[in-house]
PDB file of all heavy atoms in Angstrom:
ATOM      1  N   GLN A   1      37.897 -23.368  -5.858  1.00  0.00           N
ATOM      2  CA  GLN A   1      37.088 -22.379  -6.617  1.00  0.00           C
ATOM      3  C   GLN A   1      36.959 -21.121  -5.795  1.00  0.00           C
ATOM      4  O   GLN A   1      36.727 -21.137  -4.561  1.00  0.00           O
ATOM      5  CB  GLN A   1      35.710 -22.968  -6.886  1.00  0.00           C
ATOM      6  CG  GLN A   1      35.667 -23.994  -7.959  1.00  0.00           C
ATOM      7  CD  GLN A   1      34.264 -24.396  -8.293  1.00  0.00           C
ATOM      8  OE1 GLN A   1      33.406 -24.655  -7.413  1.00  0.00           O
ATOM      9  NE2 GLN A   1      33.985 -24.633  -9.571  1.00  0.00           N
ATOM     10  N   LEU A   2      37.125 -19.993  -6.463  1.00  0.00           N
ATOM     11  CA  LEU A   2      36.906 -18.697  -5.846  1.00  0.00           C
ATOM     12  C   LEU A   2      35.898 -17.926  -6.655  1.00  0.00           C
ATOM     13  O   LEU A   2      35.932 -17.915  -7.905  1.00  0.00           O
ATOM     14  CB  LEU A   2      38.225 -17.863  -5.877  1.00  0.00           C
ATOM     15  CG  LEU A   2      39.449 -18.500  -5.135  1.00  0.00           C
ATOM     16  CD1 LEU A   2      40.652 -17.539  -5.353  1.00  0.00           C
ATOM     17  CD2 LEU A   2      39.158 -18.610  -3.688  1.00  0.00           C
ATOM     18  N   VAL A   3      34.926 -17.302  -5.962  1.00  0.00           N
ATOM     19  CA  VAL A   3      33.882 -16.542  -6.670  1.00  0.00           C
ATOM     20  C   VAL A   3      33.722 -15.212  -5.946  1.00  0.00           C
ATOM     21  O   VAL A   3      33.375 -15.143  -4.808  1.00  0.00           O
ATOM     22  CB  VAL A   3      32.544 -17.340  -6.627  1.00  0.00           C
ATOM     23  CG1 VAL A   3      31.504 -16.436  -7.368  1.00  0.00           C
ATOM     24  CG2 VAL A   3      32.672 -18.605  -7.425  1.00  0.00           C
ATOM     25  N   GLU A   4      33.898 -14.111  -6.769  1.00  0.00           N
ATOM     26  CA  GLU A   4      33.806 -12.765  -6.249  1.00  0.00           C
ATOM     27  C   GLU A   4      32.262 -12.340  -6.328  1.00  0.00           C
ATOM     28  O   GLU A   4      31.526 -12.778  -7.155  1.00  0.00           O
ATOM     29  CB  GLU A   4      34.633 -11.787  -6.970  1.00  0.00           C
ATOM     30  CG  GLU A   4      36.085 -12.120  -7.011  1.00  0.00           C
ATOM     31  CD  GLU A   4      36.497 -12.880  -8.223  1.00  0.00           C
ATOM     32  OE1 GLU A   4      35.596 -13.490  -8.852  1.00  0.00           O
ATOM     33  OE2 GLU A   4      37.731 -12.892  -8.556  1.00  0.00           O
ATOM     34  N   SER A   5      31.934 -11.414  -5.464  1.00  0.00           N
ATOM     35  CA  SER A   5      30.607 -10.782  -5.502  1.00  0.00           C
ATOM     36  C   SER A   5      30.688  -9.406  -4.860  1.00  0.00           C
ATOM     37  O   SER A   5      31.681  -9.135  -4.181  1.00  0.00           O
ATOM     38  CB  SER A   5      29.535 -11.628  -4.839  1.00  0.00           C
ATOM     39  OG  SER A   5      29.862 -11.739  -3.456  1.00  0.00           O
ATOM     40  N   GLY A   6      29.648  -8.603  -5.037  1.00  0.00           N
ATOM     41  CA  GLY A   6      29.581  -7.322  -4.457  1.00  0.00           C
ATOM     42  C   GLY A   6      29.908  -6.147  -5.271  1.00  0.00           C
ATOM     43  O   GLY A   6      29.825  -4.949  -4.810  1.00  0.00           O
ATOM     44  N   GLY A   7      30.319  -6.385  -6.520  1.00  0.00           N
ATOM     45  CA  GLY A   7      30.605  -5.281  -7.389  1.00  0.00           C
ATOM     46  C   GLY A   7      29.411  -4.654  -7.941  1.00  0.00           C
ATOM     47  O   GLY A   7      28.253  -5.078  -7.677  1.00  0.00           O
ATOM     48  N   GLY A   8      29.504  -3.539  -8.693  1.00  0.00           N
ATOM     49  CA  GLY A   8      28.377  -2.879  -9.237  1.00  0.00           C
ATOM     50  C   GLY A   8      28.624  -1.392  -9.511  1.00  0.00           C
ATOM     51  O   GLY A   8      29.822  -0.974  -9.335  1.00  0.00           O
ATOM     52  N   PRO A   9      27.724  -0.618  -9.877  1.00  0.00           N
ATOM     53  CA  PRO A   9      27.828   0.828 -10.096  1.00  0.00           C
ATOM     54  C   PRO A   9      27.842   1.580  -8.730  1.00  0.00           C
ATOM     55  O   PRO A   9      27.084   1.185  -7.933  1.00  0.00           O
ATOM     56  CB  PRO A   9      26.722   1.247 -10.983  1.00  0.00           C
ATOM     57  CG  PRO A   9      25.631   0.269 -10.630  1.00  0.00           C
ATOM     58  CD  PRO A   9      26.351  -1.030 -10.282  1.00  0.00           C
ATOM     59  N   VAL A  10      28.599   2.625  -8.604  1.00  0.00           N
ATOM     60  CA  VAL A  10      28.624   3.445  -7.425  1.00  0.00           C
ATOM     61  C   VAL A  10      29.064   4.846  -7.817  1.00  0.00           C
ATOM     62  O   VAL A  10      29.796   5.053  -8.723  1.00  0.00           O
ATOM     63  CB  VAL A  10      29.531   2.850  -6.381  1.00  0.00           C
ATOM     64  CG1 VAL A  10      31.004   2.791  -6.822  1.00  0.00           C
ATOM     65  CG2 VAL A  10      29.401   3.520  -5.033  1.00  0.00           C
ATOM     66  N   GLN A  11      28.535   5.808  -7.056  1.00  0.00           N
ATOM     67  CA  GLN A  11      28.919   7.205  -7.310  1.00  0.00           C
ATOM     68  C   GLN A  11      30.251   7.485  -6.650  1.00  0.00           C
ATOM     69  O   GLN A  11      30.580   6.893  -5.578  1.00  0.00           O
ATOM     70  CB  GLN A  11      27.867   8.154  -6.786  1.00  0.00           C
ATOM     71  CG  GLN A  11      26.587   8.101  -7.642  1.00  0.00           C
ATOM     72  CD  GLN A  11      25.621   9.237  -7.265  1.00  0.00           C
ATOM     73  OE1 GLN A  11      25.624   9.732  -6.183  1.00  0.00           O
ATOM     74  NE2 GLN A  11      24.752   9.537  -8.163  1.00  0.00           N
ATOM     75  N   ALA A  12      30.959   8.461  -7.154  1.00  0.00           N
ATOM     76  CA  ALA A  12      32.281   8.926  -6.585  1.00  0.00           C
ATOM     77  C   ALA A  12      32.019   9.290  -5.104  1.00  0.00           C
ATOM     78  O   ALA A  12      31.075  10.018  -4.820  1.00  0.00           O
ATOM     79  CB  ALA A  12      32.837   9.975  -7.380  1.00  0.00           C
ATOM     80  N   GLY A  13      32.925   8.848  -4.293  1.00  0.00           N
ATOM     81  CA  GLY A  13      32.773   9.108  -2.855  1.00  0.00           C
ATOM     82  C   GLY A  13      32.096   7.995  -2.126  1.00  0.00           C
ATOM     83  O   GLY A  13      32.104   7.986  -0.894  1.00  0.00           O
ATOM     84  N   GLY A  14      31.462   7.080  -2.788  1.00  0.00           N
ATOM     85  CA  GLY A  14      30.712   6.016  -2.216  1.00  0.00           C
ATOM     86  C   GLY A  14      31.597   4.815  -1.826  1.00  0.00           C
ATOM     87  O   GLY A  14      32.817   4.873  -1.873  1.00  0.00           O
ATOM     88  N   SER A  15      30.917   3.813  -1.326  1.00  0.00           N
ATOM     89  CA  SER A  15      31.597   2.644  -0.802  1.00  0.00           C
ATOM     90  C   SER A  15      31.002   1.331  -1.349  1.00  0.00           C
ATOM     91  O   SER A  15      29.819   1.267  -1.702  1.00  0.00           O
ATOM     92  CB  SER A  15      31.504   2.564   0.745  1.00  0.00           C
ATOM     93  OG  SER A  15      32.064   3.724   1.308  1.00  0.00           O
ATOM     94  N   LEU A  16      31.799   0.301  -1.429  1.00  0.00           N
ATOM     95  CA  LEU A  16      31.405  -1.026  -1.762  1.00  0.00           C
ATOM     96  C   LEU A  16      32.184  -2.022  -0.917  1.00  0.00           C
ATOM     97  O   LEU A  16      33.328  -1.725  -0.544  1.00  0.00           O
ATOM     98  CB  LEU A  16      31.636  -1.338  -3.207  1.00  0.00           C
ATOM     99  CG  LEU A  16      30.618  -0.771  -4.285  1.00  0.00           C
ATOM    100  CD1 LEU A  16      31.090  -1.129  -5.654  1.00  0.00           C
ATOM    101  CD2 LEU A  16      29.244  -1.292  -4.033  1.00  0.00           C
ATOM    102  N   LYS A  17      31.615  -3.164  -0.658  1.00  0.00           N
ATOM    103  CA  LYS A  17      32.375  -4.237  -0.031  1.00  0.00           C
ATOM    104  C   LYS A  17      32.279  -5.501  -0.915  1.00  0.00           C
ATOM    105  O   LYS A  17      31.254  -6.068  -1.113  1.00  0.00           O
ATOM    106  CB  LYS A  17      31.846  -4.554   1.321  1.00  0.00           C
ATOM    107  CG  LYS A  17      32.633  -5.512   2.164  1.00  0.00           C
ATOM    108  CD  LYS A  17      32.200  -5.674   3.604  1.00  0.00           C
ATOM    109  CE  LYS A  17      33.093  -6.586   4.422  1.00  0.00           C
ATOM    110  NZ  LYS A  17      32.647  -6.644   5.793  1.00  0.00           N
ATOM    111  N   LEU A  18      33.465  -5.944  -1.386  1.00  0.00           N
ATOM    112  CA  LEU A  18      33.643  -7.082  -2.259  1.00  0.00           C
ATOM    113  C   LEU A  18      33.791  -8.327  -1.354  1.00  0.00           C
ATOM    114  O   LEU A  18      34.474  -8.246  -0.269  1.00  0.00           O
ATOM    115  CB  LEU A  18      34.694  -6.991  -3.235  1.00  0.00           C
ATOM    116  CG  LEU A  18      34.702  -5.737  -4.166  1.00  0.00           C
ATOM    117  CD1 LEU A  18      35.823  -5.861  -5.082  1.00  0.00           C
ATOM    118  CD2 LEU A  18      33.343  -5.642  -4.862  1.00  0.00           C
ATOM    119  N   SER A  19      33.252  -9.443  -1.749  1.00  0.00           N
ATOM    120  CA  SER A  19      33.494 -10.696  -1.127  1.00  0.00           C
ATOM    121  C   SER A  19      34.030 -11.698  -2.138  1.00  0.00           C
ATOM    122  O   SER A  19      33.728 -11.663  -3.317  1.00  0.00           O
ATOM    123  CB  SER A  19      32.175 -11.272  -0.601  1.00  0.00           C
ATOM    124  OG  SER A  19      31.552 -10.421   0.419  1.00  0.00           O
ATOM    125  N   CYS A  20      34.815 -12.660  -1.604  1.00  0.00           N
ATOM    126  CA  CYS A  20      35.427 -13.752  -2.434  1.00  0.00           C
ATOM    127  C   CYS A  20      35.226 -15.005  -1.601  1.00  0.00           C
ATOM    128  O   CYS A  20      35.853 -15.227  -0.604  1.00  0.00           O
ATOM    129  CB  CYS A  20      36.871 -13.466  -2.684  1.00  0.00           C
ATOM    130  SG  CYS A  20      37.714 -14.829  -3.472  1.00  0.00           S
ATOM    131  N   LYS A  21      34.278 -15.834  -2.132  1.00  0.00           N
ATOM    132  CA  LYS A  21      33.925 -17.110  -1.335  1.00  0.00           C
ATOM    133  C   LYS A  21      34.792 -18.208  -1.926  1.00  0.00           C
ATOM    134  O   LYS A  21      34.837 -18.424  -3.174  1.00  0.00           O
ATOM    135  CB  LYS A  21      32.446 -17.405  -1.530  1.00  0.00           C
ATOM    136  CG  LYS A  21      32.008 -18.739  -1.037  1.00  0.00           C
ATOM    137  CD  LYS A  21      32.174 -18.839   0.486  1.00  0.00           C
ATOM    138  CE  LYS A  21      31.596 -20.188   0.996  1.00  0.00           C
ATOM    139  NZ  LYS A  21      31.927 -20.415   2.425  1.00  0.00           N
ATOM    140  N   ALA A  22      35.437 -18.952  -1.068  1.00  0.00           N
ATOM    141  CA  ALA A  22      36.324 -20.066  -1.496  1.00  0.00           C
ATOM    142  C   ALA A  22      35.547 -21.372  -1.230  1.00  0.00           C
ATOM    143  O   ALA A  22      34.827 -21.528  -0.211  1.00  0.00           O
ATOM    144  CB  ALA A  22      37.594 -20.136  -0.693  1.00  0.00           C
ATOM    145  N   SER A  23      35.653 -22.326  -2.150  1.00  0.00           N
ATOM    146  CA  SER A  23      35.108 -23.653  -2.013  1.00  0.00           C
ATOM    147  C   SER A  23      35.881 -24.638  -2.636  1.00  0.00           C
ATOM    148  O   SER A  23      36.925 -24.323  -3.359  1.00  0.00           O
ATOM    149  CB  SER A  23      33.666 -23.660  -2.658  1.00  0.00           C
ATOM    150  OG  SER A  23      33.668 -23.385  -3.932  1.00  0.00           O
ATOM    151  N   GLY A  24      35.607 -25.868  -2.450  1.00  0.00           N
ATOM    152  CA  GLY A  24      36.388 -26.960  -3.047  1.00  0.00           C
ATOM    153  C   GLY A  24      37.418 -27.464  -2.097  1.00  0.00           C
ATOM    154  O   GLY A  24      37.333 -27.367  -0.857  1.00  0.00           O
ATOM    155  N   ASP A  25      38.483 -27.926  -2.651  1.00  0.00           N
ATOM    156  CA  ASP A  25      39.583 -28.570  -1.884  1.00  0.00           C
ATOM    157  C   ASP A  25      40.547 -27.575  -1.352  1.00  0.00           C
ATOM    158  O   ASP A  25      41.719 -27.439  -1.792  1.00  0.00           O
ATOM    159  CB  ASP A  25      40.325 -29.597  -2.736  1.00  0.00           C
ATOM    160  CG  ASP A  25      41.351 -30.391  -1.957  1.00  0.00           C
ATOM    161  OD1 ASP A  25      41.285 -30.391  -0.722  1.00  0.00           O
ATOM    162  OD2 ASP A  25      42.280 -30.970  -2.640  1.00  0.00           O
ATOM    163  N   ASN A  26      40.122 -26.744  -0.384  1.00  0.00           N
ATOM    164  CA  ASN A  26      41.030 -25.737   0.245  1.00  0.00           C
ATOM    165  C   ASN A  26      40.889 -25.797   1.716  1.00  0.00           C
ATOM    166  O   ASN A  26      40.503 -24.807   2.349  1.00  0.00           O
ATOM    167  CB  ASN A  26      40.683 -24.352  -0.371  1.00  0.00           C
ATOM    168  CG  ASN A  26      39.291 -23.880  -0.071  1.00  0.00           C
ATOM    169  OD1 ASN A  26      38.380 -24.735   0.130  1.00  0.00           O
ATOM    170  ND2 ASN A  26      39.095 -22.632  -0.130  1.00  0.00           N
ATOM    171  N   LYS A  27      41.283 -26.945   2.280  1.00  0.00           N
ATOM    172  CA  LYS A  27      41.207 -27.104   3.673  1.00  0.00           C
ATOM    173  C   LYS A  27      42.122 -26.123   4.481  1.00  0.00           C
ATOM    174  O   LYS A  27      41.897 -25.840   5.606  1.00  0.00           O
ATOM    175  CB  LYS A  27      41.510 -28.535   4.114  1.00  0.00           C
ATOM    176  CG  LYS A  27      40.599 -29.548   3.447  1.00  0.00           C
ATOM    177  CD  LYS A  27      40.953 -30.961   3.800  1.00  0.00           C
ATOM    178  CE  LYS A  27      39.979 -31.973   3.198  1.00  0.00           C
ATOM    179  NZ  LYS A  27      40.383 -33.361   3.505  1.00  0.00           N
ATOM    180  N   GLY A  28      43.128 -25.654   3.793  1.00  0.00           N
ATOM    181  CA  GLY A  28      44.048 -24.765   4.395  1.00  0.00           C
ATOM    182  C   GLY A  28      43.769 -23.293   4.208  1.00  0.00           C
ATOM    183  O   GLY A  28      44.684 -22.480   4.185  1.00  0.00           O
ATOM    184  N   PHE A  29      42.535 -22.925   4.008  1.00  0.00           N
ATOM    185  CA  PHE A  29      42.126 -21.601   3.678  1.00  0.00           C
ATOM    186  C   PHE A  29      42.721 -20.569   4.592  1.00  0.00           C
ATOM    187  O   PHE A  29      43.190 -19.495   4.284  1.00  0.00           O
ATOM    188  CB  PHE A  29      40.577 -21.415   3.638  1.00  0.00           C
ATOM    189  CG  PHE A  29      40.151 -20.047   3.387  1.00  0.00           C
ATOM    190  CD1 PHE A  29      39.948 -19.600   2.068  1.00  0.00           C
ATOM    191  CD2 PHE A  29      39.881 -19.097   4.448  1.00  0.00           C
ATOM    192  CE1 PHE A  29      39.543 -18.302   1.814  1.00  0.00           C
ATOM    193  CE2 PHE A  29      39.427 -17.824   4.151  1.00  0.00           C
ATOM    194  CZ  PHE A  29      39.227 -17.424   2.809  1.00  0.00           C
ATOM    195  N   SER A  30      42.768 -20.896   5.961  1.00  0.00           N
ATOM    196  CA  SER A  30      43.193 -19.976   6.891  1.00  0.00           C
ATOM    197  C   SER A  30      44.705 -19.700   6.730  1.00  0.00           C
ATOM    198  O   SER A  30      45.229 -18.620   7.185  1.00  0.00           O
ATOM    199  CB  SER A  30      42.939 -20.499   8.350  1.00  0.00           C
ATOM    200  OG  SER A  30      43.610 -21.709   8.572  1.00  0.00           O
ATOM    201  N   ARG A  31      45.429 -20.579   6.130  1.00  0.00           N
ATOM    202  CA  ARG A  31      46.850 -20.442   5.918  1.00  0.00           C
ATOM    203  C   ARG A  31      47.219 -19.954   4.505  1.00  0.00           C
ATOM    204  O   ARG A  31      48.362 -19.718   4.174  1.00  0.00           O
ATOM    205  CB  ARG A  31      47.533 -21.706   6.196  1.00  0.00           C
ATOM    206  CG  ARG A  31      47.408 -22.238   7.616  1.00  0.00           C
ATOM    207  CD  ARG A  31      48.270 -23.454   7.859  1.00  0.00           C
ATOM    208  NE  ARG A  31      47.899 -24.608   6.953  1.00  0.00           N
ATOM    209  CZ  ARG A  31      46.927 -25.396   7.123  1.00  0.00           C
ATOM    210  NH1 ARG A  31      46.177 -25.279   8.225  1.00  0.00           N
ATOM    211  NH2 ARG A  31      46.663 -26.438   6.307  1.00  0.00           N
ATOM    212  N   ASP A  32      46.217 -19.808   3.624  1.00  0.00           N
ATOM    213  CA  ASP A  32      46.499 -19.382   2.272  1.00  0.00           C
ATOM    214  C   ASP A  32      46.850 -17.906   2.243  1.00  0.00           C
ATOM    215  O   ASP A  32      46.243 -17.058   2.934  1.00  0.00           O
ATOM    216  CB  ASP A  32      45.265 -19.563   1.380  1.00  0.00           C
ATOM    217  CG  ASP A  32      45.041 -21.016   1.100  1.00  0.00           C
ATOM    218  OD1 ASP A  32      45.917 -21.852   1.357  1.00  0.00           O
ATOM    219  OD2 ASP A  32      43.976 -21.334   0.423  1.00  0.00           O
ATOM    220  N   CYS A  33      47.819 -17.571   1.350  1.00  0.00           N
ATOM    221  CA  CYS A  33      48.112 -16.168   1.073  1.00  0.00           C
ATOM    222  C   CYS A  33      47.047 -15.717   0.017  1.00  0.00           C
ATOM    223  O   CYS A  33      46.835 -16.433  -0.984  1.00  0.00           O
ATOM    224  CB  CYS A  33      49.509 -16.098   0.512  1.00  0.00           C
ATOM    225  SG  CYS A  33      50.018 -14.419   0.099  1.00  0.00           S
ATOM    226  N   MET A  34      46.436 -14.591   0.233  1.00  0.00           N
ATOM    227  CA  MET A  34      45.427 -14.140  -0.716  1.00  0.00           C
ATOM    228  C   MET A  34      45.588 -12.660  -1.082  1.00  0.00           C
ATOM    229  O   MET A  34      46.257 -11.955  -0.357  1.00  0.00           O
ATOM    230  CB  MET A  34      44.037 -14.378  -0.125  1.00  0.00           C
ATOM    231  CG  MET A  34      43.695 -15.806   0.262  1.00  0.00           C
ATOM    232  SD  MET A  34      41.997 -16.126   0.682  1.00  0.00           S
ATOM    233  CE  MET A  34      41.215 -16.005  -0.909  1.00  0.00           C
ATOM    234  N   ALA A  35      45.024 -12.369  -2.178  1.00  0.00           N
ATOM    235  CA  ALA A  35      45.091 -10.904  -2.623  1.00  0.00           C
ATOM    236  C   ALA A  35      43.994 -10.535  -3.487  1.00  0.00           C
ATOM    237  O   ALA A  35      43.239 -11.393  -4.027  1.00  0.00           O
ATOM    238  CB  ALA A  35      46.424 -10.744  -3.372  1.00  0.00           C
ATOM    239  N   TRP A  36      43.805  -9.229  -3.589  1.00  0.00           N
ATOM    240  CA  TRP A  36      42.866  -8.657  -4.598  1.00  0.00           C
ATOM    241  C   TRP A  36      43.650  -7.981  -5.653  1.00  0.00           C
ATOM    242  O   TRP A  36      44.601  -7.209  -5.339  1.00  0.00           O
ATOM    243  CB  TRP A  36      41.953  -7.612  -3.843  1.00  0.00           C
ATOM    244  CG  TRP A  36      40.877  -8.202  -3.013  1.00  0.00           C
ATOM    245  CD1 TRP A  36      40.959  -8.406  -1.665  1.00  0.00           C
ATOM    246  CD2 TRP A  36      39.611  -8.704  -3.487  1.00  0.00           C
ATOM    247  NE1 TRP A  36      39.755  -8.954  -1.285  1.00  0.00           N
ATOM    248  CE2 TRP A  36      38.995  -9.184  -2.311  1.00  0.00           C
ATOM    249  CE3 TRP A  36      38.976  -8.792  -4.677  1.00  0.00           C
ATOM    250  CZ2 TRP A  36      37.648  -9.704  -2.384  1.00  0.00           C
ATOM    251  CZ3 TRP A  36      37.749  -9.390  -4.748  1.00  0.00           C
ATOM    252  CH2 TRP A  36      37.091  -9.825  -3.655  1.00  0.00           C
ATOM    253  N   PHE A  37      43.308  -8.214  -6.879  1.00  0.00           N
ATOM    254  CA  PHE A  37      43.890  -7.561  -8.042  1.00  0.00           C
ATOM    255  C   PHE A  37      42.768  -6.784  -8.732  1.00  0.00           C
ATOM    256  O   PHE A  37      41.528  -7.051  -8.522  1.00  0.00           O
ATOM    257  CB  PHE A  37      44.429  -8.614  -9.045  1.00  0.00           C
ATOM    258  CG  PHE A  37      45.706  -9.292  -8.595  1.00  0.00           C
ATOM    259  CD1 PHE A  37      45.733 -10.210  -7.585  1.00  0.00           C
ATOM    260  CD2 PHE A  37      46.946  -8.919  -9.237  1.00  0.00           C
ATOM    261  CE1 PHE A  37      46.948 -10.820  -7.166  1.00  0.00           C
ATOM    262  CE2 PHE A  37      48.096  -9.581  -8.821  1.00  0.00           C
ATOM    263  CZ  PHE A  37      48.096 -10.514  -7.847  1.00  0.00           C
TER     264      PHE A  37
END
């Protein structure tokens, strides 16, 4: 399971930091290829 957080409204020029928490059967997280779309 992957769950994103950290989104929301922001003014132009501002910053945000998104997070994606992994859980479940993913013992190989450190070796997983990952991406943001």
